[in-house]
């Protein structure tokens, strides 16, 4: 019996990889900004939402471009004070930004070139549209919205006012994934692609029973809640607790599938899915207040291809190396891809496996090493994403994670949750902004807003 020997993995040389992927893209974006850098005209920047990722995005922007942080807004004065102090240390001028607790007051000034939005999901639409209308270009964290018509309204506003809107789906700017896409998919090593698996098996579903307590003086809880339902206060909402409630987002699908579906769509060139179906619920973690699913499968159907999502917030990952990932299946092999690595595994043992390492830039940006809560693996991707955003602003073009692409990925995931809720397959028509032949599901494309806040979807034609 002949023994089959798998060829050893081929590891890309890290130095060469940095030169061909990360550095090339960065220099391309920087080149378009050369005139501005030379003239010393920093763009004026404001931040809405000074929590974990809002600050992280802002510090990455400061690392790659001459900007002046003019304004910071947050409903929590402790968050606000902390962000202002770091901003004054990080930016070249050493000035302390102006502070606001209401984003509308900040944007009334109409003196910002860029607005970075890192607030909770239920605020994204109103804040993004107001920033766009103020004349700013916007860097908006994913998911762009909590319902489908919010996303349609942001897209319409961006196009009407000719604003550049980059979405924080930075896998498109992740160096090792850029290289994997180029070599494996565009290089034809997979052959015909007919199926994609996506997954998340992180134990990230906060699920406890904290007691009710008085709202602390430093938090404007009414403003934090805004258009969402006002839940009884049971602790600071900032550190992931809010994500465990459907009132403020769309669960694990809305948080994590958005990234991987967007990555899958970018890797193989997909648009709107033809049909979306989903099944799941709270099957295991039944104790606690959380009302998001702990187990869910969603299927996104395209012509000749299906993309299937699976998450469990309990148990273990089938592939320990890829607990949150995309698996692109072709007739000649499979490409496994995550934020940490990528691997091409051919079906034919005569071909070599190809491994792609995550790029870190700790030597080039030493401040990364001491930054609280930084995702070191994501920092290079976010920096390239910011450079792409700035290049699009300079050219008045579309960035790699344009608002329309962010809307498709976000809305598709929201449709999966609606499909699970109504128990049937859905087909969304972006031209009419309806679910084809399904009046009940169409009504669920728009959530009710708490008064006095007005849903931006009302302004759509």
Protein backbone atom coordinates (compact mmCIF):
# COMPACT_ATOMS: atom_id res chain seq x y z
CA UNK A 1 0.00 0.00 0.00
CA UNK A 2 1.42 3.33 -1.03
CA UNK A 3 1.69 5.92 1.74
CA UNK A 4 0.51 9.41 0.80
CA UNK A 5 2.80 12.11 2.10
CA UNK A 6 1.43 15.64 2.42
CA UNK A 7 3.98 18.19 1.23
CA UNK A 8 5.21 20.53 3.97
CA UNK A 9 3.53 23.95 4.24
CA UNK A 10 5.05 26.79 2.28
CA UNK A 11 5.53 29.80 4.55
CA UNK A 12 5.68 33.21 2.95
CA UNK A 13 8.78 35.09 3.98
CA UNK A 14 7.54 37.75 6.38
CA UNK A 15 9.91 40.47 5.17
CA UNK A 16 9.00 39.91 1.51
CA UNK A 17 5.33 39.69 2.43
CA UNK A 18 5.39 43.02 4.22
CA UNK A 19 7.01 44.62 1.19
CA UNK A 20 4.59 43.15 -1.35
CA UNK A 21 1.31 43.52 0.54
CA UNK A 22 1.19 45.86 3.51
CA UNK A 23 3.85 48.33 2.43
CA UNK A 24 2.74 48.48 -1.19
CA UNK A 25 -0.83 49.28 -0.29
CA UNK A 26 0.19 51.76 2.38
CA UNK A 27 2.56 53.63 0.07
CA UNK A 28 -0.06 53.75 -2.66
CA UNK A 29 -2.51 55.41 -0.30
CA UNK A 30 0.13 57.69 1.16
CA UNK A 31 1.19 58.74 -2.33
CA UNK A 32 -2.22 60.21 -3.02
CA UNK A 33 -1.97 62.17 0.20
CA UNK A 34 1.50 63.50 -0.54
CA UNK A 35 0.42 67.02 -1.49
CA UNK A 36 -1.63 67.44 1.64
CA UNK A 37 1.11 66.10 3.89
CA UNK A 38 3.63 68.44 2.26
CA UNK A 39 1.37 71.44 2.75
CA UNK A 40 0.88 70.56 6.40
CA UNK A 41 -2.90 70.76 6.36
CA UNK A 42 -4.16 68.22 8.87
CA UNK A 43 -7.75 67.13 8.51
CA UNK A 44 -10.05 68.09 11.37
CA UNK A 45 -11.47 64.99 13.06
CA UNK A 46 -14.27 64.31 15.51
CA UNK A 47 -15.08 61.09 17.37
CA UNK A 48 -18.55 59.93 18.42
CA UNK A 49 -18.38 57.10 20.93
CA UNK A 50 -15.19 57.08 22.99
CA UNK A 51 -15.38 53.45 24.06
CA UNK A 52 -13.04 50.60 23.17
CA UNK A 53 -13.22 50.52 19.38
CA UNK A 54 -14.00 54.17 18.83
CA UNK A 55 -10.72 55.10 20.47
CA UNK A 56 -8.88 52.25 18.74
CA UNK A 57 -9.98 53.48 15.31
CA UNK A 58 -9.05 57.05 16.17
CA UNK A 59 -5.54 56.14 17.37
CA UNK A 60 -4.92 54.16 14.15
CA UNK A 61 -5.92 57.22 12.12
CA UNK A 62 -3.53 59.41 14.11
CA UNK A 63 -0.72 56.93 13.39
CA UNK A 64 -0.98 57.20 9.61
CA UNK A 65 -2.11 60.73 8.77
CA UNK A 66 -1.68 64.37 9.80
CA UNK A 67 -4.98 64.98 11.61
CA UNK A 68 -6.15 67.27 14.38
CA UNK A 69 -8.61 65.72 16.83
CA UNK A 70 -10.94 68.67 17.30
CA UNK A 71 -13.95 67.13 19.06
CA UNK A 72 -14.90 64.04 21.05
CA UNK A 73 -18.44 63.10 22.05
CA UNK A 74 -19.60 60.51 24.56
CA UNK A 75 -22.55 60.23 26.96
CA UNK A 76 -20.22 58.97 29.72
CA UNK A 77 -17.99 61.70 31.12
CA UNK A 78 -15.47 59.16 32.43
CA UNK A 79 -15.06 57.73 28.92
CA UNK A 80 -14.92 61.24 27.54
CA UNK A 81 -12.25 62.48 29.95
CA UNK A 82 -10.08 59.43 29.35
CA UNK A 83 -10.24 59.79 25.58
CA UNK A 84 -9.44 63.51 25.72
CA UNK A 85 -6.36 62.88 27.85
CA UNK A 86 -4.99 60.25 25.47
CA UNK A 87 -5.82 62.41 22.44
CA UNK A 88 -3.82 65.31 23.86
CA UNK A 89 -0.83 62.99 24.26
CA UNK A 90 -1.15 61.32 20.86
CA UNK A 91 -1.72 64.22 18.52
CA UNK A 92 1.09 66.45 17.37
CA UNK A 93 -0.45 69.71 18.60
CA UNK A 94 -0.94 68.30 22.13
CA UNK A 95 -4.23 70.21 22.29
CA UNK A 96 -7.17 68.82 24.20
CA UNK A 97 -10.22 68.30 21.95
CA UNK A 98 -13.54 69.95 22.67
CA UNK A 99 -15.99 67.69 24.49
CA UNK A 100 -19.68 67.00 23.95
CA UNK A 101 -22.29 64.69 25.43
CA UNK A 102 -24.74 65.16 22.55
CA UNK A 103 -23.44 64.38 19.05
CA UNK A 104 -25.90 66.84 17.52
CA UNK A 105 -24.22 69.73 19.31
CA UNK A 106 -20.82 68.59 18.07
CA UNK A 107 -21.97 68.31 14.46
CA UNK A 108 -23.76 71.69 14.54
CA UNK A 109 -20.31 73.28 14.41
CA UNK A 110 -19.90 71.97 10.83
CA UNK A 111 -16.13 72.32 11.15
CA UNK A 112 -15.07 68.66 10.87
CA UNK A 113 -13.57 67.04 7.80
CA UNK A 114 -13.87 63.51 9.20
CA UNK A 115 -16.17 61.95 11.78
CA UNK A 116 -15.27 58.58 13.29
CA UNK A 117 -18.28 56.73 14.74
CA UNK A 118 -17.69 54.01 17.31
CA UNK A 119 -20.97 54.12 19.23
CA UNK A 120 -23.25 51.10 19.84
CA UNK A 121 -25.10 49.74 16.82
CA UNK A 122 -28.48 51.30 17.60
CA UNK A 123 -26.97 54.77 17.17
CA UNK A 124 -25.09 54.27 13.91
CA UNK A 125 -27.73 55.39 11.45
CA UNK A 126 -28.79 58.68 13.08
CA UNK A 127 -25.22 59.70 13.86
CA UNK A 128 -23.85 58.75 10.43
CA UNK A 129 -26.59 60.61 8.56
CA UNK A 130 -26.19 63.73 10.73
CA UNK A 131 -22.42 63.65 10.18
CA UNK A 132 -22.90 63.28 6.43
CA UNK A 133 -25.34 66.19 6.37
CA UNK A 134 -22.84 68.31 8.32
CA UNK A 135 -20.41 67.97 5.39
CA UNK A 136 -18.03 65.43 6.91
CA UNK A 137 -16.69 62.20 5.46
CA UNK A 138 -17.38 59.30 7.80
CA UNK A 139 -15.58 56.26 9.16
CA UNK A 140 -18.43 54.11 10.51
CA UNK A 141 -18.02 50.96 12.51
CA UNK A 142 -19.87 47.85 11.47
CA UNK A 143 -22.65 46.83 11.46
CA UNK A 144 -23.88 50.00 9.84
CA UNK A 145 -27.42 49.67 11.21
CA UNK A 146 -29.83 47.68 13.36
CA UNK A 147 -32.46 47.39 10.65
CA UNK A 148 -32.42 47.26 6.86
CA UNK A 149 -34.09 50.60 6.16
CA UNK A 150 -31.63 52.44 8.40
CA UNK A 151 -28.91 51.14 6.11
CA UNK A 152 -30.80 52.23 3.02
CA UNK A 153 -31.13 55.71 4.54
CA UNK A 154 -27.38 56.02 5.27
CA UNK A 155 -26.55 54.92 1.73
CA UNK A 156 -29.02 57.42 0.28
CA UNK A 157 -27.59 60.26 2.40
CA UNK A 158 -23.99 59.43 1.43
CA UNK A 159 -24.82 59.47 -2.27
CA UNK A 160 -26.99 62.61 -2.06
CA UNK A 161 -24.28 64.62 -0.29
CA UNK A 162 -21.33 63.01 -2.11
CA UNK A 163 -19.63 61.95 1.09
CA UNK A 164 -17.03 59.20 1.45
CA UNK A 165 -18.16 56.59 3.98
CA UNK A 166 -15.75 53.81 4.92
CA UNK A 167 -17.11 50.91 7.00
CA UNK A 168 -14.99 49.20 9.65
CA UNK A 169 -14.99 45.84 7.88
CA UNK A 170 -11.21 45.94 7.75
CA UNK A 171 -10.67 42.36 6.61
CA UNK A 172 -10.51 43.89 3.12
CA UNK A 173 -7.38 45.68 4.33
CA UNK A 174 -5.87 42.77 6.28
CA UNK A 175 -2.41 42.14 4.76
CA UNK A 176 -2.37 38.33 4.91
CA UNK A 177 -5.90 38.12 3.50
CA UNK A 178 -5.05 40.51 0.66
CA UNK A 179 -2.17 38.24 -0.26
CA UNK A 180 -4.22 35.05 0.12
CA UNK A 181 -6.93 36.47 -2.13
CA UNK A 182 -4.36 37.43 -4.75
CA UNK A 183 -2.45 34.17 -4.72
CA UNK A 184 -5.16 31.59 -4.12
CA UNK A 185 -8.44 32.94 -5.46
CA UNK A 186 -7.34 35.34 -8.17
CA UNK A 187 -4.53 32.91 -8.99
CA UNK A 188 -7.11 30.21 -9.72
CA UNK A 189 -5.72 27.64 -7.29
CA UNK A 190 -9.20 26.77 -5.98
CA UNK A 191 -10.74 26.17 -9.39
CA UNK A 192 -14.52 26.48 -9.45
CA UNK A 193 -15.84 27.80 -6.14
CA UNK A 194 -19.27 26.49 -5.15
CA UNK A 195 -19.53 26.70 -1.36
CA UNK A 196 -18.39 28.89 1.54
CA UNK A 197 -18.57 28.09 5.24
CA UNK A 198 -18.36 30.84 7.85
CA UNK A 199 -18.33 30.44 11.61
CA UNK A 200 -17.81 31.88 15.07
CA UNK A 201 -17.40 29.69 18.13
CA UNK A 202 -16.20 32.32 20.60
CA UNK A 203 -17.82 32.25 24.04
CA UNK A 204 -18.72 35.92 23.72
CA UNK A 205 -22.40 35.94 24.72
CA UNK A 206 -22.59 37.86 27.99
CA UNK A 207 -25.31 36.14 30.00
CA UNK A 208 -25.84 37.05 33.63
CA UNK A 209 -28.46 38.36 36.03
CA UNK A 210 -27.01 41.57 37.45
CA UNK A 211 -29.34 43.46 39.80
CA UNK A 212 -30.91 46.79 38.95
CA UNK A 213 -29.03 49.80 40.28
CA UNK A 214 -29.16 53.59 40.13
CA UNK A 215 -27.77 55.20 37.00
CA UNK A 216 -24.38 56.77 37.89
CA UNK A 217 -24.06 60.54 37.62
CA UNK A 218 -21.34 60.34 34.94
CA UNK A 219 -23.62 58.48 32.48
CA UNK A 220 -26.53 60.02 30.55
CA UNK A 221 -28.44 56.75 30.23
CA UNK A 222 -31.41 58.36 28.50
CA UNK A 223 -29.11 59.64 25.74
CA UNK A 224 -27.16 56.37 25.65
CA UNK A 225 -30.43 54.56 24.92
CA UNK A 226 -31.66 57.10 22.35
CA UNK A 227 -34.04 55.51 19.81
CA UNK A 228 -33.84 52.03 21.36
CA UNK A 229 -36.20 50.66 24.02
CA UNK A 230 -35.30 51.91 27.50
CA UNK A 231 -34.25 48.89 29.56
CA UNK A 232 -34.05 49.06 33.36
CA UNK A 233 -30.48 49.98 34.24
CA UNK A 234 -28.44 47.01 35.48
CA UNK A 235 -24.84 48.16 35.12
CA UNK A 236 -22.54 50.05 32.80
CA UNK A 237 -23.44 49.12 29.22
CA UNK A 238 -20.04 49.77 27.65
CA UNK A 239 -18.17 46.50 28.04
CA UNK A 240 -20.09 44.16 25.72
CA UNK A 241 -23.14 43.88 28.00
CA UNK A 242 -25.29 45.80 25.53
CA UNK A 243 -24.43 43.34 22.75
CA UNK A 244 -26.29 40.58 24.55
CA UNK A 245 -29.64 42.30 23.87
CA UNK A 246 -31.50 42.49 20.57
CA UNK A 247 -32.76 45.93 21.59
CA UNK A 248 -29.37 47.37 20.62
CA UNK A 249 -28.07 45.10 17.86
CA UNK A 250 -28.54 41.82 16.03
CA UNK A 251 -26.71 39.35 18.22
CA UNK A 252 -23.73 37.30 17.12
CA UNK A 253 -24.93 37.32 13.50
CA UNK A 254 -25.08 41.11 13.48
CA UNK A 255 -21.72 41.45 15.21
CA UNK A 256 -19.51 38.66 13.86
CA UNK A 257 -21.18 37.28 10.73
CA UNK A 258 -21.10 40.77 9.21
CA UNK A 259 -17.31 40.60 9.17
CA UNK A 260 -17.07 37.11 7.71
CA UNK A 261 -19.87 37.49 5.16
CA UNK A 262 -18.29 40.74 4.03
CA UNK A 263 -14.94 38.95 3.75
CA UNK A 264 -16.47 36.09 1.76
CA UNK A 265 -18.22 38.52 -0.59
CA UNK A 266 -14.97 40.42 -1.15
CA UNK A 267 -12.91 37.28 -1.67
CA UNK A 268 -15.07 35.84 -4.45
CA UNK A 269 -17.01 38.88 -5.70
CA UNK A 270 -20.57 38.47 -4.40
CA UNK A 271 -23.37 41.04 -4.18
CA UNK A 272 -26.83 40.69 -2.67
CA UNK A 273 -27.83 37.10 -1.87
CA UNK A 274 -30.79 35.73 -3.85
CA UNK A 275 -32.35 34.15 -0.76
CA UNK A 276 -31.64 34.12 2.97
CA UNK A 277 -32.78 31.54 5.52
CA UNK A 278 -31.88 30.88 9.13
CA UNK A 279 -32.64 28.66 12.10
CA UNK A 280 -31.53 28.95 15.70
CA UNK A 281 -32.33 30.23 19.15
CA UNK A 282 -31.34 29.96 22.79
CA UNK A 283 -30.75 26.23 23.03
CA UNK A 284 -28.16 25.89 25.80
CA UNK A 285 -27.54 29.11 27.75
CA UNK A 286 -31.07 29.58 29.03
CA UNK A 287 -30.18 31.20 32.36
CA UNK A 288 -29.59 34.92 32.43
CA UNK A 289 -31.03 38.01 30.80
CA UNK A 290 -29.50 37.66 27.35
CA UNK A 291 -32.03 37.45 24.52
CA UNK A 292 -29.68 36.85 21.57
CA UNK A 293 -29.27 33.37 20.09
CA UNK A 294 -26.57 31.09 21.43
CA UNK A 295 -26.86 28.78 18.41
CA UNK A 296 -27.70 29.79 14.85
CA UNK A 297 -27.21 28.74 11.25
CA UNK A 298 -27.86 31.09 8.33
CA UNK A 299 -27.71 30.31 4.62
CA UNK A 300 -27.07 32.97 1.98
CA UNK A 301 -27.88 31.68 -1.50
CA UNK A 302 -26.24 32.94 -4.68
CA UNK A 303 -26.30 31.66 -8.26
CA UNK A 304 -24.25 28.48 -8.19
CA UNK A 305 -22.95 29.07 -4.67
CA UNK A 306 -24.14 28.92 -1.07
CA UNK A 307 -22.54 30.64 1.92
CA UNK A 308 -23.45 29.12 5.28
CA UNK A 309 -22.89 30.72 8.68
CA UNK A 310 -22.79 28.84 11.98
CA UNK A 311 -22.26 30.18 15.47
CA UNK A 312 -22.30 28.60 18.89
CA UNK A 313 -21.41 30.49 22.05
CA UNK A 314 -20.85 27.20 23.86
CA UNK A 315 -18.79 24.06 23.20
CA UNK A 316 -15.61 24.01 21.15
CA UNK A 317 -14.64 24.91 17.57
CA UNK A 318 -14.40 22.00 15.07
CA UNK A 319 -11.14 23.52 13.82
CA UNK A 320 -9.24 24.99 16.80
CA UNK A 321 -7.04 27.06 14.47
CA UNK A 322 -10.11 28.69 12.93
CA UNK A 323 -12.73 29.49 15.59
CA UNK A 324 -13.90 32.63 13.70
CA UNK A 325 -13.29 32.20 10.02
CA UNK A 326 -14.24 31.80 6.39
CA UNK A 327 -13.68 28.54 4.47
CA UNK A 328 -13.82 28.94 0.69
CA UNK A 329 -14.34 25.54 -0.96
CA UNK A 330 -13.25 24.99 -4.55
CA UNK A 331 -12.96 21.92 -6.74
CA UNK A 332 -9.17 21.98 -6.32
CA UNK A 333 -8.89 22.79 -2.62
CA UNK A 334 -10.03 24.94 0.28
CA UNK A 335 -8.87 28.34 1.53
CA UNK A 336 -9.19 28.78 5.28
CA UNK A 337 -9.06 32.42 6.32
CA UNK A 338 -9.26 34.26 9.63
CA UNK A 339 -8.00 37.44 11.26
CA UNK A 340 -4.99 35.49 12.53
CA UNK A 341 -3.89 33.38 9.54
CA UNK A 342 -4.86 31.75 6.25
CA UNK A 343 -4.13 28.34 4.73
CA UNK A 344 -4.62 26.91 1.27
CA UNK A 345 -5.07 23.14 1.41
CA UNK A 346 -5.18 21.47 -2.03
CA UNK A 347 -7.20 18.32 -2.68
CA UNK A 348 -4.36 16.99 -4.81
CA UNK A 349 -1.47 15.95 -2.61
CA UNK A 350 0.94 16.81 -5.42
CA UNK A 351 0.36 20.51 -4.76
CA UNK A 352 1.85 22.33 -1.80
CA UNK A 353 -0.14 23.76 1.04
CA UNK A 354 0.39 27.50 1.40
CA UNK A 355 0.31 29.26 4.75
CA UNK A 356 -0.12 33.00 5.33
CA UNK A 357 0.88 34.55 8.65
CA UNK A 358 -0.79 37.48 10.31
CA UNK A 359 1.24 40.69 10.00
CA UNK A 360 2.14 42.62 13.14
CA UNK A 361 3.82 46.04 13.18
CA UNK A 362 4.90 46.30 16.80
CA UNK A 363 8.37 47.52 15.87
CA UNK A 364 7.15 50.15 13.43
CA UNK A 365 4.44 51.39 15.84
CA UNK A 366 5.85 50.77 19.33
CA UNK A 367 2.95 52.59 20.98
CA UNK A 368 0.81 49.57 20.05
CA UNK A 369 2.62 47.56 22.72
CA UNK A 370 1.34 49.67 25.61
CA UNK A 371 -2.13 50.56 24.34
CA UNK A 372 -4.90 49.23 26.58
CA UNK A 373 -7.15 46.58 24.98
CA UNK A 374 -5.58 46.90 21.53
CA UNK A 375 -6.12 44.07 19.05
CA UNK A 376 -2.55 43.81 17.85
CA UNK A 377 -3.46 41.55 14.93
CA UNK A 378 -6.08 44.01 13.69
CA UNK A 379 -4.03 47.20 14.05
CA UNK A 380 -2.15 46.89 10.70
CA UNK A 381 -5.44 46.20 8.92
CA UNK A 382 -7.11 49.23 10.47
CA UNK A 383 -4.16 51.44 9.55
CA UNK A 384 -4.38 50.33 5.90
CA UNK A 385 -8.14 50.78 6.06
CA UNK A 386 -7.66 54.35 7.25
CA UNK A 387 -5.15 55.03 4.47
CA UNK A 388 -7.61 53.69 1.91
CA UNK A 389 -10.30 55.92 3.43
CA UNK A 390 -8.05 58.98 3.18
CA UNK A 391 -7.08 58.17 -0.40
CA UNK A 392 -10.79 57.95 -1.32
CA UNK A 393 -11.39 61.32 0.33
CA UNK A 394 -8.52 62.87 -1.61
CA UNK A 395 -9.84 61.50 -4.92
CA UNK A 396 -13.55 61.82 -3.97
CA UNK A 397 -13.88 58.16 -4.90
CA UNK A 398 -15.22 54.98 -3.32
CA UNK A 399 -13.19 53.31 -0.56
CA UNK A 400 -12.62 49.56 -0.40
CA UNK A 401 -15.34 49.17 2.26
CA UNK A 402 -17.78 51.65 0.75
CA UNK A 403 -21.11 52.25 2.48
CA UNK A 404 -22.97 50.25 -0.17
CA UNK A 405 -20.85 47.16 0.49
CA UNK A 406 -21.27 47.62 4.23
CA UNK A 407 -25.02 47.92 3.74
CA UNK A 408 -25.25 44.69 1.74
CA UNK A 409 -23.29 42.74 4.35
CA UNK A 410 -25.18 44.27 7.29
CA UNK A 411 -28.64 43.95 5.73
CA UNK A 412 -28.02 40.35 4.70
CA UNK A 413 -27.26 39.45 8.31
CA UNK A 414 -30.32 41.33 9.56
CA UNK A 415 -32.40 39.43 6.99
CA UNK A 416 -31.04 36.18 8.47
CA UNK A 417 -32.41 37.17 11.87
CA UNK A 418 -35.76 38.12 10.34
CA UNK A 419 -35.86 34.80 8.48
CA UNK A 420 -35.27 32.98 11.78
CA UNK A 421 -38.02 35.04 13.41
CA UNK A 422 -40.68 34.38 10.75
CA UNK A 423 -39.53 30.84 10.02
CA UNK A 424 -39.15 31.05 6.25
CA UNK A 425 -36.74 31.90 3.45
CA UNK A 426 -36.62 35.56 2.41
CA UNK A 427 -35.73 37.32 -0.83
CA UNK A 428 -34.93 41.03 -0.46
CA UNK A 429 -35.40 43.49 -3.32
CA UNK A 430 -33.12 46.53 -2.79
CA UNK A 431 -34.84 48.39 -5.65
CA UNK A 432 -38.21 48.41 -3.88
CA UNK A 433 -36.81 47.98 -0.35
CA UNK A 434 -39.21 45.13 0.32
CA UNK A 435 -39.10 41.40 0.91
CA UNK A 436 -40.55 39.84 -2.22
CA UNK A 437 -44.04 38.48 -1.62
CA UNK A 438 -43.83 38.78 2.17
CA UNK A 439 -45.65 41.69 3.77
CA UNK A 440 -44.94 40.48 7.32
CA UNK A 441 -41.19 40.32 6.76
CA UNK A 442 -41.25 43.67 4.94
CA UNK A 443 -42.66 45.33 8.06
CA UNK A 444 -39.72 43.95 10.05
CA UNK A 445 -37.23 45.78 7.81
CA UNK A 446 -37.82 48.83 10.00
CA UNK A 447 -37.74 48.87 13.79
CA UNK A 448 -39.93 51.11 15.91
CA UNK A 449 -38.09 54.11 17.38
CA UNK A 450 -38.61 55.42 20.88
CA UNK A 451 -39.99 58.94 20.91
CA UNK A 452 -38.99 61.63 20.18
CA UNK A 453 -36.43 60.07 17.84
CA UNK A 454 -37.52 59.71 14.21
CA UNK A 455 -36.52 56.77 12.03
CA UNK A 456 -34.51 57.97 8.99
CA UNK A 457 -36.25 55.42 6.79
CA UNK A 458 -39.34 57.64 6.84
CA UNK A 459 -37.57 60.00 4.45
CA UNK A 460 -36.96 57.32 1.82
CA UNK A 461 -39.08 57.47 -1.29
